[in-house]
C-alpha atoms as a PDB file:
ATOM      1  CA  MET A   1     -29.756 -60.589  97.319  1.00  0.00           C
ATOM      2  CA  ASP A   2     -29.145 -61.721  93.735  1.00  0.00           C
ATOM      3  CA  ASP A   3     -29.793 -65.341  94.736  1.00  0.00           C
ATOM      4  CA  GLN A   4     -33.080 -64.347  96.382  1.00  0.00           C
ATOM      5  CA  LEU A   5     -34.209 -62.430  93.305  1.00  0.00           C
ATOM      6  CA  ALA A   6     -33.294 -65.346  91.059  1.00  0.00           C
ATOM      7  CA  PHE A   7     -35.230 -67.774  93.277  1.00  0.00           C
ATOM      8  CA  LEU A   8     -38.339 -65.602  93.273  1.00  0.00           C
ATOM      9  CA  ARG A   9     -38.249 -65.025  89.518  1.00  0.00           C
ATOM     10  CA  ASP A  10     -37.678 -68.726  88.862  1.00  0.00           C
ATOM     11  CA  HIS A  11     -40.885 -69.381  90.770  1.00  0.00           C
ATOM     12  CA  GLY A  12     -42.985 -66.956  88.776  1.00  0.00           C
ATOM     13  CA  VAL A  13     -42.824 -63.972  91.127  1.00  0.00           C
ATOM     14  CA  GLU A  14     -42.494 -60.631  89.321  1.00  0.00           C
ATOM     15  CA  VAL A  15     -39.912 -58.476  91.061  1.00  0.00           C
ATOM     16  CA  GLU A  16     -38.983 -54.910  90.073  1.00  0.00           C
ATOM     17  CA  THR A  17     -35.858 -53.475  91.674  1.00  0.00           C
ATOM     18  CA  ARG A  18     -34.706 -49.859  91.808  1.00  0.00           C
ATOM     19  CA  GLU A  19     -32.082 -50.766  89.192  1.00  0.00           C
ATOM     20  CA  ASP A  20     -34.850 -52.092  86.934  1.00  0.00           C
ATOM     21  CA  ARG A  21     -36.781 -48.823  87.257  1.00  0.00           C
ATOM     22  CA  GLU A  22     -33.698 -46.694  86.582  1.00  0.00           C
ATOM     23  CA  LYS A  23     -32.846 -48.854  83.606  1.00  0.00           C
ATOM     24  CA  ALA A  24     -36.331 -48.459  82.127  1.00  0.00           C
ATOM     25  CA  ALA A  25     -36.302 -44.712  82.715  1.00  0.00           C
ATOM     26  CA  ARG A  26     -33.008 -44.323  80.919  1.00  0.00           C
ATOM     27  CA  GLY A  27     -34.016 -46.504  78.000  1.00  0.00           C
ATOM     28  CA  THR A  28     -31.106 -48.837  78.737  1.00  0.00           C
ATOM     29  CA  ALA A  29     -30.463 -51.894  76.621  1.00  0.00           C
ATOM     30  CA  ASP A  30     -28.819 -54.970  78.137  1.00  0.00           C
ATOM     31  CA  GLY A  31     -26.433 -56.522  75.655  1.00  0.00           C
ATOM     32  CA  GLY A  32     -25.003 -58.887  78.244  1.00  0.00           C
ATOM     33  CA  GLY A  33     -21.613 -57.168  78.326  1.00  0.00           C
ATOM     34  CA  PRO A  34     -20.029 -54.429  80.432  1.00  0.00           C
ATOM     35  CA  LYS A  35     -22.161 -51.373  81.180  1.00  0.00           C
ATOM     36  CA  PHE A  36     -21.136 -47.980  79.838  1.00  0.00           C
ATOM     37  CA  ALA A  37     -22.420 -44.408  79.807  1.00  0.00           C
ATOM     38  CA  PHE A  38     -23.097 -42.162  76.837  1.00  0.00           C
ATOM     39  CA  VAL A  39     -24.690 -38.740  76.413  1.00  0.00           C
ATOM     40  CA  ARG A  40     -27.757 -37.275  74.731  1.00  0.00           C
ATOM     41  CA  ILE A  41     -27.414 -33.667  73.567  1.00  0.00           C
ATOM     42  CA  PRO A  42     -30.908 -32.242  72.949  1.00  0.00           C
ATOM     43  CA  ALA A  43     -31.347 -29.838  70.048  1.00  0.00           C
ATOM     44  CA  ASP A  44     -33.176 -27.559  72.484  1.00  0.00           C
ATOM     45  CA  SER A  45     -30.322 -25.759  74.243  1.00  0.00           C
ATOM     46  CA  SER A  46     -32.541 -25.086  77.263  1.00  0.00           C
ATOM     47  CA  GLU A  47     -32.588 -28.827  78.038  1.00  0.00           C
ATOM     48  CA  ASP A  48     -29.769 -30.380  80.039  1.00  0.00           C
ATOM     49  CA  MET A  49     -27.622 -33.051  78.506  1.00  0.00           C
ATOM     50  CA  GLU A  50     -28.686 -36.534  79.588  1.00  0.00           C
ATOM     51  CA  GLU A  51     -26.460 -39.334  80.866  1.00  0.00           C
ATOM     52  CA  ILE A  52     -27.685 -42.707  79.609  1.00  0.00           C
ATOM     53  CA  TYR A  53     -26.496 -46.216  80.397  1.00  0.00           C
ATOM     54  CA  ALA A  54     -26.414 -49.324  78.244  1.00  0.00           C
ATOM     55  CA  SER A  55     -24.606 -52.646  78.095  1.00  0.00           C
ATOM     56  CA  GLY A  56     -22.229 -53.753  75.396  1.00  0.00           C
ATOM     57  CA  LYS A  57     -21.982 -57.198  73.891  1.00  0.00           C
ATOM     58  CA  PRO A  58     -19.650 -59.824  75.382  1.00  0.00           C
ATOM     59  CA  GLU A  59     -18.056 -60.300  71.959  1.00  0.00           C
ATOM     60  CA  GLY A  60     -17.450 -56.575  71.581  1.00  0.00           C
ATOM     61  CA  GLY A  61     -18.395 -54.062  68.877  1.00  0.00           C
ATOM     62  CA  ASP A  62     -20.113 -50.673  68.915  1.00  0.00           C
ATOM     63  CA  VAL A  63     -23.717 -51.316  69.969  1.00  0.00           C
ATOM     64  CA  LEU A  64     -24.953 -47.709  69.706  1.00  0.00           C
ATOM     65  CA  PRO A  65     -25.836 -47.561  65.971  1.00  0.00           C
ATOM     66  CA  GLU A  66     -28.316 -50.407  66.412  1.00  0.00           C
ATOM     67  CA  LEU A  67     -29.465 -49.392  69.883  1.00  0.00           C
ATOM     68  CA  LEU A  68     -30.297 -45.819  68.845  1.00  0.00           C
ATOM     69  CA  LYS A  69     -32.408 -46.646  65.798  1.00  0.00           C
ATOM     70  CA  SER A  70     -35.544 -46.644  67.932  1.00  0.00           C
ATOM     71  CA  ARG A  71     -34.663 -43.169  69.227  1.00  0.00           C
ATOM     72  CA  PHE A  72     -34.857 -41.812  65.691  1.00  0.00           C
ATOM     73  CA  ALA A  73     -37.983 -43.793  64.728  1.00  0.00           C
ATOM     74  CA  ASP A  74     -40.028 -40.909  66.073  1.00  0.00           C
ATOM     75  CA  GLY A  75     -42.736 -40.834  63.432  1.00  0.00           C
ATOM     76  CA  SER A  76     -41.622 -37.424  62.152  1.00  0.00           C
ATOM     77  CA  ALA A  77     -42.793 -36.843  58.607  1.00  0.00           C
ATOM     78  CA  LEU A  78     -40.178 -36.191  55.972  1.00  0.00           C
ATOM     79  CA  ASP A  79     -40.296 -32.795  54.305  1.00  0.00           C
ATOM     80  CA  GLU A  80     -41.241 -33.802  50.756  1.00  0.00           C
ATOM     81  CA  GLY A  81     -39.746 -30.642  49.279  1.00  0.00           C
ATOM     82  CA  ALA A  82     -36.467 -31.162  51.135  1.00  0.00           C
ATOM     83  CA  VAL A  83     -36.280 -34.810  50.050  1.00  0.00           C
ATOM     84  CA  ARG A  84     -36.831 -33.972  46.380  1.00  0.00           C
ATOM     85  CA  ALA A  85     -34.435 -31.021  46.470  1.00  0.00           C
ATOM     86  CA  GLN A  86     -31.693 -33.128  48.054  1.00  0.00           C
ATOM     87  CA  ALA A  87     -32.266 -35.997  45.635  1.00  0.00           C
ATOM     88  CA  ALA A  88     -32.282 -33.652  42.643  1.00  0.00           C
ATOM     89  CA  SER A  89     -29.023 -31.997  43.726  1.00  0.00           C
ATOM     90  CA  GLN A  90     -27.351 -35.394  44.031  1.00  0.00           C
ATOM     91  CA  PHE A  91     -28.933 -37.413  41.245  1.00  0.00           C
ATOM     92  CA  GLY A  92     -30.360 -34.845  38.830  1.00  0.00           C
ATOM     93  CA  GLU A  93     -33.618 -35.464  37.006  1.00  0.00           C
ATOM     94  CA  MET A  94     -33.839 -39.050  38.230  1.00  0.00           C
ATOM     95  CA  GLY A  95     -33.603 -37.877  41.837  1.00  0.00           C
ATOM     96  CA  ALA A  96     -36.396 -35.339  41.311  1.00  0.00           C
ATOM     97  CA  LYS A  97     -38.728 -38.254  40.510  1.00  0.00           C
ATOM     98  CA  LEU A  98     -37.984 -40.065  43.774  1.00  0.00           C
ATOM     99  CA  ASP A  99     -40.954 -41.808  45.408  1.00  0.00           C
ATOM    100  CA  VAL A 100     -40.952 -39.987  48.743  1.00  0.00           C
ATOM    101  CA  ASN A 101     -43.371 -42.452  50.361  1.00  0.00           C
ATOM    102  CA  SER A 102     -41.079 -45.379  49.549  1.00  0.00           C
ATOM    103  CA  PHE A 103     -38.115 -43.499  50.960  1.00  0.00           C
ATOM    104  CA  ALA A 104     -40.052 -42.717  54.129  1.00  0.00           C
ATOM    105  CA  GLU A 105     -40.961 -46.390  54.486  1.00  0.00           C
ATOM    106  CA  LEU A 106     -37.277 -47.371  54.315  1.00  0.00           C
ATOM    107  CA  THR A 107     -36.328 -44.975  57.120  1.00  0.00           C
ATOM    108  CA  LYS A 108     -39.331 -45.245  59.432  1.00  0.00           C
ATOM    109  CA  GLY A 109     -37.562 -47.779  61.665  1.00  0.00           C
ATOM    110  CA  GLY A 110     -34.848 -45.259  62.439  1.00  0.00           C
ATOM    111  CA  SER A 111     -31.596 -44.620  60.616  1.00  0.00           C
ATOM    112  CA  VAL A 112     -28.367 -43.786  62.457  1.00  0.00           C
ATOM    113  CA  GLU A 113     -25.346 -41.973  61.040  1.00  0.00           C
ATOM    114  CA  THR A 114     -21.997 -41.943  62.849  1.00  0.00           C
ATOM    115  CA  PHE A 115     -19.679 -38.914  62.793  1.00  0.00           C
ATOM    116  CA  SER A 116     -16.170 -39.089  64.233  1.00  0.00           C
ATOM    117  CA  LEU A 117     -15.099 -36.322  66.620  1.00  0.00           C
ATOM    118  CA  VAL A 118     -11.743 -38.017  67.129  1.00  0.00           C
ATOM    119  CA  HIS A 119     -10.414 -41.346  65.865  1.00  0.00           C
ATOM    120  CA  PRO A 120      -8.870 -43.976  68.143  1.00  0.00           C
ATOM    121  CA  ASP A 121      -5.091 -43.529  68.230  1.00  0.00           C
ATOM    122  CA  LYS A 122      -2.103 -44.161  70.469  1.00  0.00           C
ATOM    123  CA  SER A 123      -2.240 -40.528  71.639  1.00  0.00           C
ATOM    124  CA  ASN A 124      -5.739 -41.049  73.131  1.00  0.00           C
ATOM    125  CA  ASP A 125      -5.218 -44.617  74.374  1.00  0.00           C
ATOM    126  CA  TYR A 126      -7.092 -45.868  71.294  1.00  0.00           C
ATOM    127  CA  CYS A 127     -10.400 -44.340  72.405  1.00  0.00           C
ATOM    128  CA  GLY A 128     -12.449 -42.609  69.697  1.00  0.00           C
ATOM    129  CA  VAL A 129     -15.385 -40.300  70.364  1.00  0.00           C
ATOM    130  CA  TYR A 130     -18.364 -40.314  68.002  1.00  0.00           C
ATOM    131  CA  VAL A 131     -21.600 -38.450  67.397  1.00  0.00           C
ATOM    132  CA  TYR A 132     -24.635 -40.610  66.561  1.00  0.00           C
ATOM    133  CA  LEU A 133     -27.305 -38.677  64.706  1.00  0.00           C
ATOM    134  CA  ASP A 134     -30.537 -39.106  62.783  1.00  0.00           C
ATOM    135  CA  GLU A 135     -29.420 -39.806  59.221  1.00  0.00           C
ATOM    136  CA  VAL A 136     -32.498 -38.107  57.807  1.00  0.00           C
ATOM    137  CA  GLY A 137     -32.712 -35.292  60.352  1.00  0.00           C
ATOM    138  CA  VAL A 138     -32.311 -32.654  57.648  1.00  0.00           C
ATOM    139  CA  LEU A 139     -35.104 -34.213  55.614  1.00  0.00           C
ATOM    140  CA  LYS A 140     -37.360 -34.200  58.678  1.00  0.00           C
ATOM    141  CA  GLY A 141     -36.758 -30.488  59.065  1.00  0.00           C
ATOM    142  CA  LEU A 142     -35.384 -30.970  62.594  1.00  0.00           C
ATOM    143  CA  PRO A 143     -33.854 -27.923  64.320  1.00  0.00           C
ATOM    144  CA  ARG A 144     -30.118 -27.313  64.264  1.00  0.00           C
ATOM    145  CA  ASN A 145     -28.231 -28.652  67.274  1.00  0.00           C
ATOM    146  CA  ALA A 146     -25.950 -25.736  68.176  1.00  0.00           C
ATOM    147  CA  ARG A 147     -24.232 -27.515  71.088  1.00  0.00           C
ATOM    148  CA  ALA A 148     -23.310 -30.506  68.931  1.00  0.00           C
ATOM    149  CA  ALA A 149     -21.975 -28.208  66.189  1.00  0.00           C
ATOM    150  CA  GLY A 150     -19.921 -26.354  68.789  1.00  0.00           C
ATOM    151  CA  LEU A 151     -18.482 -29.641  70.034  1.00  0.00           C
ATOM    152  CA  ALA A 152     -17.394 -30.546  66.507  1.00  0.00           C
ATOM    153  CA  GLU A 153     -15.907 -27.060  66.062  1.00  0.00           C
ATOM    154  CA  ALA A 154     -13.896 -27.488  69.269  1.00  0.00           C
ATOM    155  CA  ALA A 155     -12.599 -30.820  67.925  1.00  0.00           C
ATOM    156  CA  GLY A 156     -11.307 -29.078  64.800  1.00  0.00           C
ATOM    157  CA  LYS A 157     -14.180 -30.240  62.594  1.00  0.00           C
ATOM    158  CA  HIS A 158     -15.330 -26.959  61.092  1.00  0.00           C
ATOM    159  CA  GLY A 159     -18.443 -26.317  59.032  1.00  0.00           C
ATOM    160  CA  VAL A 160     -20.370 -29.309  60.416  1.00  0.00           C
ATOM    161  CA  SER A 161     -24.084 -29.068  61.187  1.00  0.00           C
ATOM    162  CA  PHE A 162     -26.282 -31.523  63.107  1.00  0.00           C
ATOM    163  CA  GLN A 163     -30.085 -31.584  63.106  1.00  0.00           C
ATOM    164  CA  GLY A 164     -32.193 -32.746  66.035  1.00  0.00           C
ATOM    165  CA  ASP A 165     -31.061 -34.548  69.175  1.00  0.00           C
ATOM    166  CA  VAL A 166     -27.733 -36.353  68.938  1.00  0.00           C
ATOM    167  CA  PHE A 167     -25.881 -38.845  71.116  1.00  0.00           C
ATOM    168  CA  VAL A 168     -22.166 -38.921  71.883  1.00  0.00           C
ATOM    169  CA  GLY A 169     -20.261 -42.042  72.872  1.00  0.00           C
ATOM    170  CA  ARG A 170     -16.740 -43.381  73.253  1.00  0.00           C
ATOM    171  CA  VAL A 171     -15.350 -46.539  71.610  1.00  0.00           C
ATOM    172  CA  ALA A 172     -12.094 -48.248  72.585  1.00  0.00           C
ATOM    173  CA  THR A 173     -10.319 -50.358  69.964  1.00  0.00           C
ATOM    174  CA  GLN A 174      -7.406 -51.635  72.081  1.00  0.00           C
ATOM    175  CA  PRO A 175      -6.969 -53.943  73.850  1.00  0.00           C
ATOM    176  CA  SER A 176      -9.192 -56.089  71.644  1.00  0.00           C
ATOM    177  CA  PRO A 177     -12.110 -56.472  71.185  1.00  0.00           C
ATOM    178  CA  MET A 178     -13.450 -53.077  70.132  1.00  0.00           C
ATOM    179  CA  ARG A 179     -16.063 -52.007  72.668  1.00  0.00           C
ATOM    180  CA  ASN A 180     -18.093 -49.109  74.046  1.00  0.00           C
ATOM    181  CA  VAL A 181     -16.629 -47.398  77.116  1.00  0.00           C
ATOM    182  CA  SER A 182     -18.094 -44.666  79.277  1.00  0.00           C
ATOM    183  CA  LEU A 183     -18.376 -40.997  78.328  1.00  0.00           C
ATOM    184  CA  LYS A 184     -20.214 -38.626  80.675  1.00  0.00           C
ATOM    185  CA  PRO A 185     -21.675 -35.116  80.209  1.00  0.00           C
ATOM    186  CA  GLU A 186     -18.886 -33.404  82.141  1.00  0.00           C
ATOM    187  CA  GLU A 187     -16.420 -34.801  79.592  1.00  0.00           C
ATOM    188  CA  LEU A 188     -18.015 -32.697  76.853  1.00  0.00           C
ATOM    189  CA  SER A 189     -16.865 -29.419  78.405  1.00  0.00           C
ATOM    190  CA  SER A 190     -14.189 -27.352  76.679  1.00  0.00           C
ATOM    191  CA  SER A 191     -11.757 -28.207  79.486  1.00  0.00           C
ATOM    192  CA  ALA A 192     -11.955 -31.974  78.870  1.00  0.00           C
ATOM    193  CA  ALA A 193      -8.501 -33.392  78.116  1.00  0.00           C
ATOM    194  CA  TRP A 194      -9.611 -35.399  75.076  1.00  0.00           C
ATOM    195  CA  LEU A 195     -11.287 -32.347  73.511  1.00  0.00           C
ATOM    196  CA  ARG A 196      -8.243 -30.110  74.058  1.00  0.00           C
ATOM    197  CA  ARG A 197      -6.173 -32.658  72.108  1.00  0.00           C
ATOM    198  CA  ALA A 198      -8.776 -33.423  69.450  1.00  0.00           C
ATOM    199  CA  ALA A 199      -7.980 -30.731  66.860  1.00  0.00           C
ATOM    200  CA  ALA A 200      -4.289 -31.675  66.740  1.00  0.00           C
ATOM    201  CA  GLU A 201      -5.094 -35.394  66.658  1.00  0.00           C
ATOM    202  CA  ASN A 202      -7.572 -34.892  63.803  1.00  0.00           C
ATOM    203  CA  ALA A 203      -5.041 -32.865  61.822  1.00  0.00           C
ATOM    204  CA  ALA A 204      -2.450 -35.616  62.298  1.00  0.00           C
ATOM    205  CA  TRP A 205      -5.022 -38.253  61.297  1.00  0.00           C
ATOM    206  CA  ASP A 206      -5.959 -36.353  58.120  1.00  0.00           C
ATOM    207  CA  ALA A 207      -2.296 -35.976  57.173  1.00  0.00           C
ATOM    208  CA  THR A 208      -1.655 -39.683  57.740  1.00  0.00           C
ATOM    209  CA  MET A 209      -4.666 -40.670  55.660  1.00  0.00           C
ATOM    210  CA  ALA A 210      -3.535 -38.377  52.833  1.00  0.00           C
ATOM    211  CA  ASP A 211      -0.095 -40.003  52.892  1.00  0.00           C
ATOM    212  CA  LEU A 212      -1.612 -43.492  52.823  1.00  0.00           C
ATOM    213  CA  ARG A 213      -3.699 -42.535  49.819  1.00  0.00           C
ATOM    214  CA  GLY A 214      -0.621 -41.342  47.970  1.00  0.00           C
ATOM    215  CA  GLY A 215      -1.466 -37.646  48.325  1.00  0.00           C
ATOM    216  CA  GLY A 216       0.303 -35.182  46.068  1.00  0.00           C
ATOM    217  CA  ALA A 217       1.448 -35.509  42.488  1.00  0.00           C
ATOM    218  CA  GLY A 218       3.312 -38.702  41.876  1.00  0.00           C
ATOM    219  CA  GLY A 219       2.416 -40.017  45.324  1.00  0.00           C
ATOM    220  CA  GLY A 220       1.979 -43.534  43.996  1.00  0.00           C
ATOM    221  CA  GLY A 221      -1.678 -43.989  44.952  1.00  0.00           C
ATOM    222  CA  GLU A 222      -3.822 -46.094  42.674  1.00  0.00           C
ATOM    223  CA  ALA A 223      -6.644 -43.533  42.533  1.00  0.00           C
ATOM    224  CA  PRO A 224      -5.973 -40.243  40.714  1.00  0.00           C
ATOM    225  CA  SER A 225      -4.617 -37.396  42.842  1.00  0.00           C
ATOM    226  CA  GLY A 226      -2.526 -34.348  42.179  1.00  0.00           C
ATOM    227  CA  GLU A 227      -2.118 -30.593  42.429  1.00  0.00           C
ATOM    228  CA  GLY A 228      -3.957 -27.555  41.126  1.00  0.00           C
ATOM    229  CA  GLU A 229      -3.519 -23.834  41.472  1.00  0.00           C
ATOM    230  CA  GLY A 230      -3.083 -23.285  45.188  1.00  0.00           C
ATOM    231  CA  TYR A 231      -4.080 -26.766  46.362  1.00  0.00           C
ATOM    232  CA  ARG A 232      -3.281 -30.467  46.280  1.00  0.00           C
ATOM    233  CA  TRP A 233      -5.741 -33.326  46.602  1.00  0.00           C
ATOM    234  CA  SER A 234      -6.061 -37.080  47.013  1.00  0.00           C
ATOM    235  CA  GLN A 235      -8.930 -39.512  47.345  1.00  0.00           C
ATOM    236  CA  GLY A 236     -10.065 -42.742  48.921  1.00  0.00           C
ATOM    237  CA  GLU A 237     -13.085 -44.857  48.115  1.00  0.00           C
ATOM    238  CA  GLU A 238     -15.457 -42.712  50.162  1.00  0.00           C
ATOM    239  CA  ASP A 239     -13.894 -39.261  50.310  1.00  0.00           C
ATOM    240  CA  CYS A 240     -11.449 -36.716  48.931  1.00  0.00           C
ATOM    241  CA  GLU A 241      -8.853 -34.803  50.937  1.00  0.00           C
ATOM    242  CA  VAL A 242      -7.879 -31.290  49.831  1.00  0.00           C
ATOM    243  CA  SER A 243      -4.971 -29.304  51.291  1.00  0.00           C
ATOM    244  CA  VAL A 244      -4.618 -25.548  50.753  1.00  0.00           C
ATOM    245  CA  PRO A 245      -1.463 -23.737  51.993  1.00  0.00           C
ATOM    246  CA  LEU A 246      -2.337 -20.713  54.142  1.00  0.00           C
ATOM    247  CA  PRO A 247      -0.506 -17.454  54.803  1.00  0.00           C
ATOM    248  CA  ALA A 248       1.624 -17.566  57.955  1.00  0.00           C
ATOM    249  CA  GLY A 249      -0.353 -16.856  61.099  1.00  0.00           C
ATOM    250  CA  THR A 250      -3.793 -17.586  59.619  1.00  0.00           C
ATOM    251  CA  LYS A 251      -6.385 -18.440  62.278  1.00  0.00           C
ATOM    252  CA  ALA A 252      -9.367 -20.756  61.815  1.00  0.00           C
ATOM    253  CA  LYS A 253     -11.759 -17.851  62.463  1.00  0.00           C
ATOM    254  CA  GLU A 254     -10.422 -16.157  59.305  1.00  0.00           C
ATOM    255  CA  VAL A 255     -11.346 -19.151  57.162  1.00  0.00           C
ATOM    256  CA  LYS A 256     -14.749 -19.774  55.605  1.00  0.00           C
ATOM    257  CA  VAL A 257     -15.587 -22.908  53.638  1.00  0.00           C
ATOM    258  CA  VAL A 258     -18.902 -23.363  51.824  1.00  0.00           C
ATOM    259  CA  PHE A 259     -19.933 -26.880  50.804  1.00  0.00           C
ATOM    260  CA  GLU A 260     -22.591 -27.531  48.173  1.00  0.00           C
ATOM    261  CA  ALA A 261     -23.498 -30.800  46.474  1.00  0.00           C
ATOM    262  CA  ARG A 262     -21.364 -29.942  43.413  1.00  0.00           C
ATOM    263  CA  ARG A 263     -19.396 -26.851  44.482  1.00  0.00           C
ATOM    264  CA  LEU A 264     -16.623 -25.937  46.905  1.00  0.00           C
ATOM    265  CA  ARG A 265     -15.695 -22.377  47.872  1.00  0.00           C
ATOM    266  CA  CYS A 266     -13.015 -21.268  50.346  1.00  0.00           C
ATOM    267  CA  THR A 267     -12.093 -17.760  51.515  1.00  0.00           C
ATOM    268  CA  VAL A 268      -9.354 -16.574  53.865  1.00  0.00           C
ATOM    269  CA  ALA A 269      -9.742 -13.166  55.496  1.00  0.00           C
ATOM    270  CA  GLY A 270     -12.448 -12.415  52.926  1.00  0.00           C
ATOM    271  CA  GLU A 271     -10.271 -13.328  49.920  1.00  0.00           C
ATOM    272  CA  GLU A 272     -11.270 -16.288  47.756  1.00  0.00           C
ATOM    273  CA  VAL A 273      -8.499 -18.880  47.628  1.00  0.00           C
ATOM    274  CA  LEU A 274     -10.309 -21.846  46.072  1.00  0.00           C
ATOM    275  CA  GLN A 275     -13.622 -22.368  44.315  1.00  0.00           C
ATOM    276  CA  GLY A 276     -15.110 -24.461  41.562  1.00  0.00           C
ATOM    277  CA  ARG A 277     -17.644 -27.037  40.466  1.00  0.00           C
ATOM    278  CA  LEU A 278     -16.606 -30.434  41.793  1.00  0.00           C
ATOM    279  CA  TYR A 279     -16.122 -33.375  39.480  1.00  0.00           C
ATOM    280  CA  ALA A 280     -18.956 -35.291  41.193  1.00  0.00           C
ATOM    281  CA  ALA A 281     -21.483 -34.803  43.983  1.00  0.00           C
ATOM    282  CA  VAL A 282     -20.640 -34.808  47.690  1.00  0.00           C
ATOM    283  CA  ARG A 283     -22.681 -34.866  50.899  1.00  0.00           C
ATOM    284  CA  PRO A 284     -22.413 -31.268  52.198  1.00  0.00           C
ATOM    285  CA  ASP A 285     -23.605 -32.120  55.713  1.00  0.00           C
ATOM    286  CA  GLU A 286     -20.835 -34.721  56.085  1.00  0.00           C
ATOM    287  CA  CYS A 287     -17.985 -32.597  54.732  1.00  0.00           C
ATOM    288  CA  SER A 288     -15.652 -30.845  57.157  1.00  0.00           C
ATOM    289  CA  TRP A 289     -12.491 -28.752  57.371  1.00  0.00           C
ATOM    290  CA  SER A 290      -9.690 -27.961  59.798  1.00  0.00           C
ATOM    291  CA  VAL A 291      -6.623 -25.732  60.034  1.00  0.00           C
ATOM    292  CA  ALA A 292      -3.324 -27.286  61.077  1.00  0.00           C
ATOM    293  CA  ALA A 293       0.380 -26.952  60.305  1.00  0.00           C
ATOM    294  CA  GLY A 294      -0.222 -23.899  58.121  1.00  0.00           C
ATOM    295  CA  GLU A 295      -2.739 -25.608  55.861  1.00  0.00           C
ATOM    296  CA  LEU A 296      -6.483 -25.709  55.337  1.00  0.00           C
ATOM    297  CA  GLN A 297      -7.415 -29.382  55.244  1.00  0.00           C
ATOM    298  CA  ILE A 298     -10.786 -30.233  53.679  1.00  0.00           C
ATOM    299  CA  ASN A 299     -12.611 -33.550  53.727  1.00  0.00           C
ATOM    300  CA  LEU A 300     -15.252 -34.143  51.027  1.00  0.00           C
ATOM    301  CA  GLU A 301     -17.606 -37.107  51.460  1.00  0.00           C
ATOM    302  CA  LYS A 302     -18.493 -38.620  48.093  1.00  0.00           C
ATOM    303  CA  ILE A 303     -22.047 -39.573  47.154  1.00  0.00           C
ATOM    304  CA  ASP A 304     -20.844 -42.416  44.921  1.00  0.00           C
ATOM    305  CA  ALA A 305     -18.233 -44.238  46.964  1.00  0.00           C
ATOM    306  CA  ALA A 306     -17.441 -46.614  44.103  1.00  0.00           C
ATOM    307  CA  ALA A 307     -16.390 -43.927  41.640  1.00  0.00           C
ATOM    308  CA  ALA A 308     -12.837 -42.605  41.329  1.00  0.00           C
ATOM    309  CA  TRP A 309     -12.584 -38.934  40.381  1.00  0.00           C
ATOM    310  CA  PRO A 310     -10.090 -38.169  37.600  1.00  0.00           C
ATOM    311  CA  ALA A 311      -9.860 -34.583  38.915  1.00  0.00           C
ATOM    312  CA  LEU A 312     -11.088 -32.548  41.872  1.00  0.00           C
ATOM    313  CA  PHE A 313     -12.908 -30.005  39.680  1.00  0.00           C
ATOM    314  CA  LEU A 314     -14.562 -30.166  36.294  1.00  0.00           C
ATOM    315  CA  PRO A 315     -12.477 -28.739  33.416  1.00  0.00           C
ATOM    316  CA  ALA A 316     -12.579 -24.955  33.019  1.00  0.00           C
ATOM    317  CA  GLU A 317     -14.808 -25.170  29.950  1.00  0.00           C
ATOM    318  CA  GLU A 318     -17.427 -27.070  31.979  1.00  0.00           C
ATOM    319  CA  GLN A 319     -17.414 -24.651  34.904  1.00  0.00           C
ATOM    320  CA  PRO A 320     -20.651 -22.579  35.013  1.00  0.00           C
END
């Protein structure tokens, strides 16, 4: 059959197979490599999740960030007020003067952000699961995606919000090369094996990263780190990790963490355990927290990845 199709097409005959029609309907891209499945989670909870197919590249790599750009180039106008408010909170007076039209021009082709639900590790056969979202979904005023937020919550990533439709895919890093592998809608249920393990795997990952950064006073890391009243912290180039010891038996549902561009506030069973004005700005929508091994573990995503923080919070005299 394949030889017949090739012969006809080589002689100028246009042939459309059922596979071609299914591929077009699903918006599939052919990268020349192995085919894989991934999932669209609509923001509208009344819509079913959609199974989509694409092809990877023979040389490997995650093809979804590039493939999905067109999905987010939907022509939605940016909320000028939201853009200026976000820019002002991050960059002060200079941000408030941002040329919104220029910013819109930069993002009109689609902009994809990747959020890890679980990192590749030996415990999951080196298969990570990621959410791919519209990087400027908040600025477009897109609706909150409750199912995607619930998925992150189940993976131990608390306090995360997604706006608009998102996509979820799986990436294998071993054996080499790194490549996309299939993830189907039924694997996003609470009974899925990978999701039942995810919270523990994420807690272990966070602890390992903190150790590698030299977490704790005198940990030997090049970037400043240390301890404060009721917490310890460390940092990498792009983020800060904060660990807060919790009373024995504390459950995640008793914990509340509020992220703002320059402020962090944590309560346990209604009692404030940590709060203050951060040394520099973070991206609230990309920050997350988890509870594991008797600690509240907080990840803060820096705005300025090149800057090392000398302290987690501003000095007391500079706190408002």
